[in-house]
Amino acid sequence: MTHPASEPNQPAIGAHGAQGARAAVNAPEPILATAGVSKTFPGVKALQGVDFRLFPGEVHTLMGQNGAGKSTLINVLTGVVAPDAGTIRLGGEVVAFASPQEAEAAGVRTLYQEVNLCPNLSVAENIFAGRQPRRFGAIDWPDIKRRAQAALARLDVSLDVTRSLDAYPIAVQQMVAIARALSVDARVLILDEPTSSLDDSEVAQLFKILRHLKQSGIAILFVTHFIEQTYAISDRITVMRNGEREGEYLARDLPADQLVSKMVGHERMSARLREAAHDAQAAQAAHESDEGVRASQGAQPFMELRGVGRRGTLQPIDLDVQAGQILGLAGLLGSGRTETARLLFGADRADSGTILVGGNPVRLRSPRDAVRHGIGYCAEDRKKEGIVAELSIRENILLALQARRGWWRKISRQRARELADLWIERLGIKASDAEQPIGLLSGGNQQKALLARWLATDPKLLILDEPTRGIDVAAKFDIMDRLLALCANGLSILFISSEISEVLRVSHRVAVLRDRRKIAEVAGKASTEDNIYRLIAGSGE
C-alpha cells in the first residue's frame, strides 16, 4: 500500500526518475525512522510493516482515521509498547526504548492529547516536575517560578504559576502541558492532538512556536484530525490506514481532496464510488422527495440550534432537527460530530448560542434536562458508555425509563419484563431470554438493546453516535431499516457515522462538519458521497 516518499524539499524519486535520484543523494538523514515495524494486539493487527521517517527541522503530520494505527505508532516510537517486528533508529542508531522515560532521556519528548499533569500541584511544579533546579542541595523555588513564567511567555501566556493547576480551565492546562514539553532540550517533539482544547488564537500562537522550533533543527511529529491545521503547519504528511502506511507526501504536493481520499480509502469517481453514490441516492429516493424535504423544512423544527458552541470544542453552529426526519452529521474524526451530540444531550454545556425545543428556548445543563425534553442518546462507545455488561438485557433496557421516573417510582418486575419482551421482539434482538446478561450478546444485538433503552422512554429525538460500529453487515442494514421505520412514525433522529455511504443511506438531510465547525448542509441531488468528500476537503459545492 505504500507509495514512494519524497526527501525534504526534493522531488519524489518515483515521480521524476533520475533527477529525483540525484537529488536524493544529497538529502539529509532522518533523525527518527522505523523499518518494517509491526504490532499485534489480541485480535487486532495495529501496525503492519510500517516504514516511517522524520527529518530534522520539519513538521511532519500523521493523518488517518480512528483505528488507522497513529497512536500505536507513537507508542512504539516512545517506548510505551515494544514492536513485534521491525527496527527503530534515532540519529542513525538502532534503539529499543523500554519506557517513555528512556525515550525522553534520548531526546524524544511527547505531548499527549489528554492533559497528563498533576492537577493538585502548582503550574510551576507541573512544568518542572522531576527536574526541579536545585541550589545548595535544596529545590530553588524562586528559580522554578521564574523559569515557569518564561516558558509560558514563549506561548504568550501570562498567569500565576504558583496557583494549583486545577484552578485553570482545560485550555490553559493544555498550554501548561505544551510549555512543559517545550521547556527542555529535545531532538524530537511528538505532539498528539495538542490543539483539541485550544481556540484559534491559541492555535496560531502554538504554530508560531513550532515554526521557531523547527528552524532550530528540532524534528516535530504532529498528529491531528484537522485538515486546515495540517496544511497550515505541515512540511510533510504521512497517511495511515488500517495499520499500514498508505503513503508519505510533501504537503505542497498533496491536495486536500486527495488527502481525504487516501485516509478513507475512497478514490474519487472510481467504480466503487459511483456504485455507492447510486445506492445512496436510490435509498434516499425511497423515503423522501426534494419537495417533501422543502415542505418539512417550512414547518417548526423539533429542535433548533442558533450559534450554539463550546470554547475549544465546537465553533458556533446553526442546526435544525425536523420532526420525523433523520439528520445526518458527516465529517472526519475530530470534525465536531460527537461534540455536537454531547451538547444536544447536555453531557457538555454550551457557552454560546440558544437551543430551542418546539420553538421555546431551553437550557440543557445535564442529561437529565435532555431526557425531560424527550431526548435520548446512544454514545459512540457502547461498552464504556452504553451497556452495563453484568446486568441483564431487561435491566439494561429499563435503565433510562427508570431513571426518568425516579428511583422512588419503581417499575414493577412484571411491567419491566413486559417492556423488555416487547422491545426484544420489535427490534429483533436475538437472545435466549430477557434475563440473559447483555455482555453475552453479539455487538449488533447489544446495539439494538441500547436503542430499545431509549425507545422505551418514548423520545422525540434520538441521537445515535456511530450506532453500527463494530457490528456485522446484516445487523447494520437491519438497524438502519428500523431507524427509517421509526422516523415514519414521527421520531427525529440525529445520525452520526464515519461511513459516509451509511449516512447517505438513511438521512433526509446531511450537515457536513470540518475542523469543529459546520461548513455545509446538503439534501436531495446534492447528497452524493463524492460531493460530501469534496466538502470535507474544502472543494465541494
Protein backbone atom coordinates (compact mmCIF):
# COMPACT_ATOMS: atom_id res chain seq x y z
CA MET A 1 0.00 0.00 0.00
CA THR A 2 3.00 2.30 0.39
CA HIS A 3 3.95 4.94 -2.14
CA PRO A 4 7.34 6.46 -2.92
CA ALA A 5 8.21 9.19 -0.47
CA SER A 6 9.91 12.47 -1.20
CA GLU A 7 13.00 13.74 0.56
CA PRO A 8 12.76 17.16 2.22
CA ASN A 9 12.37 19.81 -0.46
CA GLN A 10 13.23 17.24 -3.15
CA PRO A 11 11.06 15.66 -5.84
CA ALA A 12 9.87 12.07 -5.41
CA ILE A 13 12.19 9.50 -6.98
CA GLY A 14 9.32 7.59 -8.45
CA ALA A 15 7.84 10.71 -9.98
CA HIS A 16 10.94 12.28 -11.53
CA GLY A 17 13.29 9.37 -12.27
CA ALA A 18 16.99 10.21 -12.50
CA GLN A 19 16.56 13.84 -11.44
CA GLY A 20 14.91 12.75 -8.18
CA ALA A 21 17.55 10.07 -7.62
CA ARG A 22 20.43 12.58 -7.97
CA ALA A 23 18.64 14.99 -5.59
CA ALA A 24 18.05 12.24 -3.03
CA VAL A 25 21.82 11.62 -2.74
CA ASN A 26 22.26 14.99 -1.00
CA ALA A 27 19.14 14.68 1.14
CA PRO A 28 19.57 14.78 4.96
CA GLU A 29 19.32 11.63 7.03
CA PRO A 30 16.16 11.15 9.13
CA ILE A 31 16.58 11.79 12.85
CA LEU A 32 13.92 9.18 13.66
CA ALA A 33 12.93 6.28 11.42
CA THR A 34 11.22 2.91 11.51
CA ALA A 35 11.62 -0.04 9.16
CA GLY A 36 9.04 -2.81 8.92
CA VAL A 37 7.52 -2.09 12.32
CA SER A 38 4.58 -4.35 13.22
CA LYS A 39 2.48 -4.67 16.35
CA THR A 40 -0.38 -7.04 17.07
CA PHE A 41 -2.79 -6.95 19.98
CA PRO A 42 -5.27 -9.78 20.66
CA GLY A 43 -7.41 -9.95 17.52
CA VAL A 44 -6.04 -6.69 16.07
CA LYS A 45 -3.13 -6.01 13.71
CA ALA A 46 -2.43 -2.47 14.87
CA LEU A 47 0.68 -1.95 12.71
CA GLN A 48 1.76 -3.91 9.65
CA GLY A 49 5.27 -3.41 8.28
CA VAL A 50 5.31 0.37 8.76
CA ASP A 51 8.21 2.41 7.38
CA PHE A 52 8.33 5.95 8.72
CA ARG A 53 10.82 8.84 8.52
CA LEU A 54 11.07 12.08 10.49
CA PHE A 55 13.66 14.64 9.38
CA PRO A 56 15.31 17.42 11.41
CA GLY A 57 13.84 20.88 11.01
CA GLU A 58 10.42 19.83 9.71
CA VAL A 59 6.85 19.45 10.90
CA HIS A 60 5.66 16.02 9.82
CA THR A 61 1.92 15.39 10.28
CA LEU A 62 0.49 11.93 10.83
CA MET A 63 -3.02 11.60 9.40
CA GLY A 64 -5.54 8.78 9.49
CA GLN A 65 -8.96 7.80 10.72
CA ASN A 66 -9.73 6.22 14.08
CA GLY A 67 -8.02 2.82 14.21
CA ALA A 68 -5.54 3.67 11.47
CA GLY A 69 -2.56 2.97 13.75
CA LYS A 70 -1.40 6.50 14.61
CA SER A 71 -1.47 6.09 18.39
CA THR A 72 0.18 2.69 18.24
CA LEU A 73 3.00 4.05 16.09
CA ILE A 74 3.58 6.86 18.60
CA ASN A 75 3.55 4.37 21.47
CA VAL A 76 6.14 2.25 19.68
CA LEU A 77 8.34 5.28 18.96
CA THR A 78 8.25 6.43 22.60
CA GLY A 79 8.71 3.10 24.40
CA VAL A 80 5.14 2.70 25.65
CA VAL A 81 4.88 -0.64 23.82
CA ALA A 82 7.52 -2.78 22.13
CA PRO A 83 7.10 -3.68 18.46
CA ASP A 84 6.69 -7.34 17.49
CA ALA A 85 8.94 -6.84 14.45
CA GLY A 86 10.98 -4.14 12.75
CA THR A 87 13.58 -1.63 13.90
CA ILE A 88 13.65 1.95 15.17
CA ARG A 89 16.59 4.25 14.52
CA LEU A 90 17.33 7.52 16.31
CA GLY A 91 20.14 9.57 14.80
CA GLY A 92 21.06 6.59 12.62
CA GLU A 93 21.50 4.16 15.54
CA VAL A 94 19.13 1.31 16.37
CA VAL A 95 17.24 1.94 19.62
CA ALA A 96 14.75 -0.05 21.68
CA PHE A 97 13.21 2.17 24.35
CA ALA A 98 11.94 0.18 27.33
CA SER A 99 9.90 3.11 28.65
CA PRO A 100 8.86 6.70 27.83
CA GLN A 101 11.49 7.85 30.34
CA GLU A 102 14.23 6.24 28.23
CA ALA A 103 12.83 7.95 25.12
CA GLU A 104 12.84 11.32 26.89
CA ALA A 105 16.41 10.80 28.08
CA ALA A 106 17.37 10.22 24.44
CA GLY A 107 15.71 13.49 23.40
CA VAL A 108 12.25 12.28 22.28
CA ARG A 109 9.58 14.35 24.04
CA THR A 110 5.84 13.60 23.75
CA LEU A 111 2.78 15.70 24.49
CA TYR A 112 -0.37 13.59 24.57
CA GLN A 113 -3.92 14.63 23.73
CA GLU A 114 -5.13 14.20 27.30
CA VAL A 115 -3.53 16.61 29.73
CA ASN A 116 -1.23 14.27 31.65
CA LEU A 117 -0.30 16.54 34.55
CA CYS A 118 -0.92 16.69 38.31
CA PRO A 119 -3.90 18.97 38.97
CA ASN A 120 -3.13 19.24 42.71
CA LEU A 121 0.32 20.73 42.06
CA SER A 122 1.06 24.31 41.05
CA VAL A 123 1.58 25.32 37.45
CA ALA A 124 5.31 25.80 38.07
CA GLU A 125 5.64 22.41 39.76
CA ASN A 126 3.94 20.73 36.80
CA ILE A 127 6.27 22.35 34.29
CA PHE A 128 9.39 21.23 36.16
CA ALA A 129 8.17 18.05 37.86
CA GLY A 130 11.01 15.53 38.09
CA ARG A 131 13.69 18.01 37.05
CA GLN A 132 13.49 20.82 39.59
CA PRO A 133 16.53 23.14 39.66
CA ARG A 134 18.41 22.99 42.97
CA ARG A 135 20.58 25.33 44.95
CA PHE A 136 22.78 24.15 47.82
CA GLY A 137 21.01 20.77 47.66
CA ALA A 138 17.51 22.23 48.05
CA ILE A 139 14.85 22.96 45.42
CA ASP A 140 15.26 26.50 44.13
CA TRP A 141 11.62 27.64 44.20
CA PRO A 142 12.26 31.22 43.03
CA ASP A 143 14.16 29.87 40.01
CA ILE A 144 11.34 27.41 39.24
CA LYS A 145 8.80 30.24 39.34
CA ARG A 146 10.96 32.48 37.12
CA ARG A 147 11.65 29.74 34.57
CA ALA A 148 7.99 28.62 34.50
CA GLN A 149 6.88 32.17 33.74
CA ALA A 150 9.46 32.34 30.94
CA ALA A 151 8.29 29.01 29.47
CA LEU A 152 4.69 30.23 29.38
CA ALA A 153 5.74 33.61 27.99
CA ARG A 154 7.02 31.79 24.88
CA LEU A 155 3.39 30.79 24.32
CA ASP A 156 2.18 34.33 25.08
CA VAL A 157 0.51 33.07 28.27
CA SER A 158 0.66 35.07 31.48
CA LEU A 159 -0.72 33.59 34.70
CA ASP A 160 0.07 33.00 38.35
CA VAL A 161 2.34 29.94 38.20
CA THR A 162 2.09 29.42 41.99
CA ARG A 163 -1.64 28.59 41.78
CA SER A 164 -2.86 25.00 41.60
CA LEU A 165 -3.22 23.69 38.05
CA ASP A 166 -6.86 22.67 38.60
CA ALA A 167 -7.72 26.32 39.25
CA TYR A 168 -7.44 26.92 35.49
CA PRO A 169 -9.69 25.74 32.62
CA ILE A 170 -8.69 22.81 30.44
CA ALA A 171 -7.42 25.05 27.61
CA VAL A 172 -4.96 26.72 29.99
CA GLN A 173 -3.91 23.32 31.35
CA GLN A 174 -3.18 22.24 27.78
CA MET A 175 -0.95 25.29 27.29
CA VAL A 176 0.87 24.38 30.52
CA ALA A 177 1.45 20.87 29.16
CA ILE A 178 2.82 22.35 25.95
CA ALA A 179 5.09 24.68 27.95
CA ARG A 180 6.43 21.66 29.86
CA ALA A 181 7.17 19.80 26.62
CA LEU A 182 8.97 22.83 25.16
CA SER A 183 10.92 23.69 28.30
CA VAL A 184 13.59 21.03 27.78
CA ASP A 185 16.08 20.36 25.04
CA ALA A 186 14.67 17.82 22.60
CA ARG A 187 15.77 16.33 19.30
CA VAL A 188 12.26 15.10 18.52
CA LEU A 189 8.97 16.60 19.70
CA ILE A 190 5.81 14.50 19.29
CA LEU A 191 2.51 16.35 19.66
CA ASP A 192 -0.59 14.13 19.79
CA GLU A 193 -3.69 16.29 19.16
CA PRO A 194 -2.25 19.30 21.04
CA THR A 195 -4.88 21.71 19.71
CA SER A 196 -8.01 19.78 20.72
CA SER A 197 -8.75 22.20 23.61
CA LEU A 198 -7.37 25.41 22.09
CA ASP A 199 -9.15 28.25 20.36
CA ASP A 200 -7.97 29.78 17.09
CA SER A 201 -5.71 32.41 18.67
CA GLU A 202 -4.05 29.82 20.91
CA VAL A 203 -3.53 27.51 17.94
CA ALA A 204 -1.92 30.36 15.99
CA GLN A 205 0.45 31.04 18.90
CA LEU A 206 1.38 27.37 19.17
CA PHE A 207 2.12 27.19 15.44
CA LYS A 208 4.32 30.25 15.74
CA ILE A 209 6.36 28.43 18.40
CA LEU A 210 6.54 25.23 16.33
CA ARG A 211 7.87 27.15 13.31
CA HIS A 212 10.55 28.66 15.52
CA LEU A 213 11.46 25.23 16.91
CA LYS A 214 11.82 23.62 13.50
CA GLN A 215 14.09 26.48 12.40
CA SER A 216 16.36 25.49 15.29
CA GLY A 217 16.54 21.96 13.88
CA ILE A 218 14.03 20.13 16.07
CA ALA A 219 12.02 17.42 14.30
CA ILE A 220 8.30 17.70 15.07
CA LEU A 221 5.77 14.90 14.65
CA PHE A 222 2.30 16.42 14.70
CA VAL A 223 -0.88 14.35 14.99
CA THR A 224 -4.22 15.99 14.23
CA HIS A 225 -7.61 15.36 12.65
CA PHE A 226 -7.96 18.96 11.48
CA ILE A 227 -7.31 19.39 7.77
CA GLU A 228 -6.87 23.16 7.87
CA GLN A 229 -4.30 22.86 10.66
CA THR A 230 -2.50 20.15 8.72
CA TYR A 231 -1.88 22.45 5.78
CA ALA A 232 -1.16 25.46 7.99
CA ILE A 233 1.82 23.82 9.72
CA SER A 234 2.97 20.73 7.81
CA ASP A 235 6.01 20.26 5.62
CA ARG A 236 5.33 16.55 5.14
CA ILE A 237 2.33 14.25 5.63
CA THR A 238 2.22 10.51 6.28
CA VAL A 239 -1.17 8.87 5.83
CA MET A 240 -2.03 5.77 7.87
CA ARG A 241 -4.88 3.41 7.04
CA ASN A 242 -5.81 0.09 8.64
CA GLY A 243 -2.47 -0.23 10.42
CA GLU A 244 -0.40 0.38 7.29
CA ARG A 245 1.43 3.36 5.89
CA GLU A 246 -0.64 4.41 2.89
CA GLY A 247 1.99 6.88 1.77
CA GLU A 248 4.32 9.77 2.59
CA TYR A 249 3.92 13.10 0.78
CA LEU A 250 5.17 16.66 0.76
CA ALA A 251 2.24 18.75 1.95
CA ARG A 252 2.54 21.07 -1.04
CA ASP A 253 2.12 18.12 -3.42
CA LEU A 254 -0.99 16.60 -1.79
CA PRO A 255 -4.28 18.45 -2.39
CA ALA A 256 -6.82 18.28 0.44
CA ASP A 257 -9.34 16.20 -1.51
CA GLN A 258 -6.66 13.59 -2.28
CA LEU A 259 -5.64 13.54 1.39
CA VAL A 260 -9.22 12.76 2.42
CA SER A 261 -9.48 10.06 -0.24
CA LYS A 262 -6.29 8.39 0.92
CA MET A 263 -7.36 8.50 4.58
CA VAL A 264 -10.71 6.81 3.97
CA GLY A 265 -9.68 4.58 1.06
CA HIS A 266 -12.03 6.43 -1.26
CA GLU A 267 -10.80 7.02 -4.81
CA ARG A 268 -12.73 9.81 -6.45
CA MET A 269 -15.06 8.79 -9.28
CA SER A 270 -13.99 5.16 -9.02
CA ALA A 271 -16.45 2.45 -9.98
CA ARG A 272 -16.99 1.69 -6.29
CA LEU A 273 -17.76 5.34 -5.56
CA ARG A 274 -20.28 5.61 -8.36
CA GLU A 275 -22.00 2.46 -7.16
CA ALA A 276 -22.11 3.70 -3.56
CA ALA A 277 -23.43 7.10 -4.62
CA HIS A 278 -26.08 5.45 -6.79
CA ASP A 279 -27.18 3.18 -3.92
CA ALA A 280 -27.36 6.11 -1.52
CA GLN A 281 -29.44 8.18 -3.92
CA ALA A 282 -31.76 5.26 -4.59
CA ALA A 283 -32.26 4.65 -0.88
CA GLN A 284 -32.95 8.31 -0.25
CA ALA A 285 -35.46 8.47 -3.09
CA ALA A 286 -37.38 5.63 -1.46
CA HIS A 287 -38.17 7.64 1.66
CA GLU A 288 -38.20 11.26 0.53
CA SER A 289 -38.53 13.65 -2.37
CA ASP A 290 -36.97 17.07 -2.77
CA GLU A 291 -40.40 18.66 -2.49
CA GLY A 292 -41.14 16.76 0.72
CA VAL A 293 -37.92 17.93 2.31
CA ARG A 294 -38.63 21.54 1.38
CA ALA A 295 -42.14 21.28 2.78
CA SER A 296 -40.96 19.83 6.09
CA GLN A 297 -38.28 22.49 6.38
CA GLY A 298 -41.03 25.08 6.36
CA ALA A 299 -42.57 23.50 9.47
CA GLN A 300 -41.50 24.14 13.05
CA PRO A 301 -38.38 22.02 13.78
CA PHE A 302 -38.40 19.88 16.89
CA MET A 303 -35.01 21.33 17.89
CA GLU A 304 -33.14 24.42 16.70
CA LEU A 305 -29.56 25.44 17.43
CA ARG A 306 -28.64 29.07 16.87
CA GLY A 307 -24.97 29.92 17.32
CA VAL A 308 -24.50 27.09 19.81
CA GLY A 309 -20.86 26.33 20.59
CA ARG A 310 -18.34 25.47 23.26
CA ARG A 311 -14.92 27.06 23.54
CA GLY A 312 -12.14 24.78 22.38
CA THR A 313 -14.64 22.10 21.34
CA LEU A 314 -17.11 23.36 18.74
CA GLN A 315 -17.42 26.60 16.80
CA PRO A 316 -20.91 28.21 16.97
CA ILE A 317 -23.29 26.15 14.86
CA ASP A 318 -26.79 26.58 13.42
CA LEU A 319 -28.78 23.37 13.07
CA ASP A 320 -32.42 22.36 12.64
CA VAL A 321 -33.69 18.89 13.57
CA GLN A 322 -37.04 18.27 11.89
CA ALA A 323 -39.75 16.03 13.32
CA GLY A 324 -39.96 12.69 11.52
CA GLN A 325 -36.61 13.12 9.78
CA ILE A 326 -33.07 11.80 10.07
CA LEU A 327 -30.42 14.50 10.10
CA GLY A 328 -27.00 13.05 9.32
CA LEU A 329 -23.73 14.52 10.57
CA ALA A 330 -20.83 13.83 8.23
CA GLY A 331 -17.17 14.61 8.79
CA LEU A 332 -13.85 13.09 9.66
CA LEU A 333 -12.89 12.15 13.19
CA GLY A 334 -12.31 15.35 15.15
CA SER A 335 -14.64 17.41 12.96
CA GLY A 336 -17.05 18.08 15.85
CA ARG A 337 -19.68 15.37 15.34
CA THR A 338 -19.60 13.83 18.82
CA GLU A 339 -19.09 17.26 20.38
CA THR A 340 -22.36 18.40 18.76
CA ALA A 341 -24.17 15.33 20.07
CA ARG A 342 -22.91 15.88 23.62
CA LEU A 343 -24.09 19.50 23.59
CA LEU A 344 -27.56 18.43 22.42
CA PHE A 345 -27.78 15.86 25.22
CA GLY A 346 -26.48 18.16 27.95
CA ALA A 347 -23.42 15.97 28.56
CA ASP A 348 -21.38 19.12 27.85
CA ARG A 349 -22.66 22.64 28.42
CA ALA A 350 -22.73 25.14 25.59
CA ASP A 351 -21.18 28.51 26.40
CA SER A 352 -22.72 30.38 23.47
CA GLY A 353 -25.94 30.46 21.47
CA THR A 354 -29.51 29.33 22.03
CA ILE A 355 -31.19 25.91 21.92
CA LEU A 356 -34.92 25.79 21.17
CA VAL A 357 -37.22 22.78 21.58
CA GLY A 358 -40.63 23.17 19.99
CA GLY A 359 -39.81 26.85 19.40
CA ASN A 360 -39.12 27.54 23.09
CA PRO A 361 -35.64 28.32 24.47
CA VAL A 362 -34.31 25.62 26.82
CA ARG A 363 -31.19 25.15 28.93
CA LEU A 364 -29.68 21.69 28.72
CA ARG A 365 -27.41 21.70 31.75
CA SER A 366 -27.33 17.93 32.16
CA PRO A 367 -28.53 14.71 30.51
CA ARG A 368 -31.44 14.79 32.99
CA ASP A 369 -32.64 18.03 31.37
CA ALA A 370 -32.32 16.48 27.92
CA VAL A 371 -34.27 13.35 28.88
CA ARG A 372 -37.00 15.54 30.37
CA HIS A 373 -37.35 17.23 26.95
CA GLY A 374 -37.65 13.88 25.18
CA ILE A 375 -34.03 13.45 24.00
CA GLY A 376 -32.18 10.12 24.06
CA TYR A 377 -28.51 9.46 23.31
CA CYS A 378 -26.67 6.28 22.26
CA ALA A 379 -23.00 7.11 22.81
CA GLU A 380 -20.19 6.14 20.44
CA ASP A 381 -18.51 3.65 22.79
CA ARG A 382 -21.28 1.24 23.71
CA LYS A 383 -19.04 -0.84 26.00
CA LYS A 384 -17.80 2.07 28.12
CA GLU A 385 -20.75 4.49 27.92
CA GLY A 386 -23.63 2.24 26.92
CA ILE A 387 -24.20 -1.27 28.19
CA VAL A 388 -23.70 -2.47 31.74
CA ALA A 389 -22.29 -5.85 30.81
CA GLU A 390 -23.03 -7.58 34.12
CA LEU A 391 -26.73 -6.64 34.10
CA SER A 392 -29.43 -8.49 32.19
CA ILE A 393 -30.94 -7.37 28.90
CA ARG A 394 -34.10 -6.42 30.82
CA GLU A 395 -32.19 -4.28 33.32
CA ASN A 396 -30.23 -2.55 30.55
CA ILE A 397 -33.37 -1.77 28.53
CA LEU A 398 -35.19 -0.29 31.55
CA LEU A 399 -32.31 1.87 32.85
CA ALA A 400 -33.26 5.13 31.12
CA LEU A 401 -37.01 4.80 31.77
CA GLN A 402 -36.45 4.06 35.46
CA ALA A 403 -34.03 6.98 35.76
CA ARG A 404 -36.59 9.33 34.20
CA ARG A 405 -39.35 8.13 36.56
CA GLY A 406 -37.08 8.37 39.57
CA TRP A 407 -35.98 5.52 41.80
CA TRP A 408 -38.89 6.15 44.18
CA ARG A 409 -41.36 5.21 41.39
CA LYS A 410 -40.14 1.69 40.87
CA ILE A 411 -41.22 -0.14 37.71
CA SER A 412 -42.72 -3.45 38.79
CA ARG A 413 -40.84 -6.56 37.77
CA GLN A 414 -43.82 -7.79 35.76
CA ARG A 415 -44.11 -4.49 33.85
CA ALA A 416 -40.34 -4.40 33.32
CA ARG A 417 -40.42 -7.90 31.87
CA GLU A 418 -43.33 -6.97 29.57
CA LEU A 419 -41.49 -3.90 28.26
CA ALA A 420 -38.26 -5.81 27.76
CA ASP A 421 -40.02 -8.61 25.88
CA LEU A 422 -41.87 -6.04 23.77
CA TRP A 423 -38.68 -4.29 22.61
CA ILE A 424 -36.77 -7.54 22.17
CA GLU A 425 -39.48 -8.60 19.74
CA ARG A 426 -39.85 -5.24 17.99
CA LEU A 427 -36.13 -4.81 17.34
CA GLY A 428 -35.43 -8.47 16.67
CA ILE A 429 -32.89 -8.85 19.48
CA LYS A 430 -31.57 -12.40 19.34
CA ALA A 431 -31.37 -13.67 22.90
CA SER A 432 -32.45 -16.77 24.76
CA ASP A 433 -34.19 -14.74 27.46
CA ALA A 434 -34.56 -11.16 28.74
CA GLU A 435 -32.65 -12.21 31.88
CA GLN A 436 -29.56 -13.14 29.85
CA PRO A 437 -26.52 -10.90 30.67
CA ILE A 438 -26.24 -8.32 27.90
CA GLY A 439 -22.47 -8.81 27.79
CA LEU A 440 -23.05 -12.24 26.23
CA LEU A 441 -24.86 -10.80 23.21
CA SER A 442 -23.24 -10.02 19.86
CA GLY A 443 -22.30 -6.41 19.13
CA GLY A 444 -25.31 -5.92 16.86
CA ASN A 445 -27.74 -7.21 19.47
CA GLN A 446 -26.12 -5.08 22.18
CA GLN A 447 -26.65 -2.04 19.94
CA LYS A 448 -30.31 -2.96 19.42
CA ALA A 449 -30.73 -3.24 23.20
CA LEU A 450 -29.32 0.28 23.61
CA LEU A 451 -31.82 1.53 21.02
CA ALA A 452 -34.55 -0.24 22.99
CA ARG A 453 -33.39 1.51 26.18
CA TRP A 454 -34.15 4.91 24.71
CA LEU A 455 -37.18 3.91 22.64
CA ALA A 456 -38.80 2.66 25.85
CA THR A 457 -38.79 6.28 27.09
CA ASP A 458 -40.87 7.35 24.06
CA PRO A 459 -38.35 10.02 22.93
CA LYS A 460 -38.96 12.84 20.50
CA LEU A 461 -35.32 12.96 19.39
CA LEU A 462 -32.83 10.10 19.37
CA ILE A 463 -29.12 10.91 18.98
CA LEU A 464 -27.15 7.98 17.56
CA ASP A 465 -23.36 8.27 17.56
CA GLU A 466 -21.80 5.50 15.44
CA PRO A 467 -24.71 3.11 16.11
CA THR A 468 -23.44 0.46 13.68
CA ARG A 469 -19.72 0.46 14.54
CA GLY A 470 -18.25 -2.98 15.07
CA ILE A 471 -21.30 -4.98 14.01
CA ASP A 472 -21.81 -7.24 11.03
CA VAL A 473 -23.29 -6.11 7.72
CA ALA A 474 -26.63 -7.86 8.20
CA ALA A 475 -27.19 -6.27 11.63
CA LYS A 476 -26.08 -2.91 10.24
CA PHE A 477 -28.72 -2.87 7.49
CA ASP A 478 -31.35 -4.21 9.89
CA ILE A 479 -30.73 -1.34 12.33
CA MET A 480 -30.81 1.29 9.57
CA ASP A 481 -34.08 -0.09 8.16
CA ARG A 482 -35.64 0.07 11.62
CA LEU A 483 -34.48 3.69 12.00
CA LEU A 484 -36.32 4.66 8.83
CA ALA A 485 -39.46 2.94 10.10
CA LEU A 486 -39.25 4.86 13.41
CA CYS A 487 -38.97 8.15 11.56
CA ALA A 488 -42.11 7.31 9.59
CA ASN A 489 -43.89 7.37 12.97
CA GLY A 490 -42.63 10.89 13.80
CA LEU A 491 -39.34 10.26 15.66
CA SER A 492 -36.49 12.69 14.94
CA ILE A 493 -33.01 11.19 14.69
CA LEU A 494 -29.55 12.75 14.66
CA PHE A 495 -27.37 10.13 12.95
CA ILE A 496 -23.57 10.16 13.18
CA SER A 497 -21.35 7.75 11.30
CA SER A 498 -17.82 7.81 9.91
CA GLU A 499 -19.14 5.86 6.91
CA ILE A 500 -20.47 8.48 4.51
CA SER A 501 -22.39 5.91 2.45
CA GLU A 502 -24.20 4.89 5.63
CA VAL A 503 -25.10 8.49 6.46
CA LEU A 504 -26.48 9.00 2.95
CA ARG A 505 -28.45 5.77 3.01
CA VAL A 506 -30.70 6.85 5.90
CA SER A 507 -30.53 10.66 6.12
CA HIS A 508 -33.07 13.12 4.77
CA ARG A 509 -30.50 15.93 5.16
CA VAL A 510 -26.78 15.90 5.89
CA ALA A 511 -24.86 18.56 7.78
CA VAL A 512 -21.15 18.47 6.91
CA LEU A 513 -18.60 19.38 9.59
CA ARG A 514 -14.91 20.14 9.26
CA ASP A 515 -12.43 21.31 11.89
CA ARG A 516 -15.10 21.75 14.59
CA ARG A 517 -17.45 23.88 12.51
CA LYS A 518 -20.42 23.29 10.20
CA ILE A 519 -19.44 24.09 6.63
CA ALA A 520 -22.49 22.98 4.63
CA GLU A 521 -25.85 21.26 4.65
CA VAL A 522 -26.99 19.16 1.70
CA ALA A 523 -30.16 17.35 0.65
CA GLY A 524 -31.67 15.78 -2.45
CA LYS A 525 -29.46 15.62 -5.51
CA ALA A 526 -26.53 17.26 -3.72
CA SER A 527 -26.39 14.32 -1.30
CA THR A 528 -23.74 12.28 -3.06
CA GLU A 529 -20.72 10.65 -1.49
CA ASP A 530 -18.39 12.43 -3.89
CA ASN A 531 -19.79 15.87 -3.07
CA ILE A 532 -19.60 15.31 0.68
CA TYR A 533 -15.95 14.21 0.48
CA ARG A 534 -15.22 17.29 -1.60
CA LEU A 535 -16.92 19.47 1.03
CA ILE A 536 -14.87 17.85 3.79
CA ALA A 537 -11.74 18.60 1.76
CA GLY A 538 -12.89 22.18 1.16
CA SER A 539 -13.66 21.96 -2.56
CA GLY A 540 -17.31 20.88 -2.75
CA GLU A 541 -20.48 22.76 -3.55
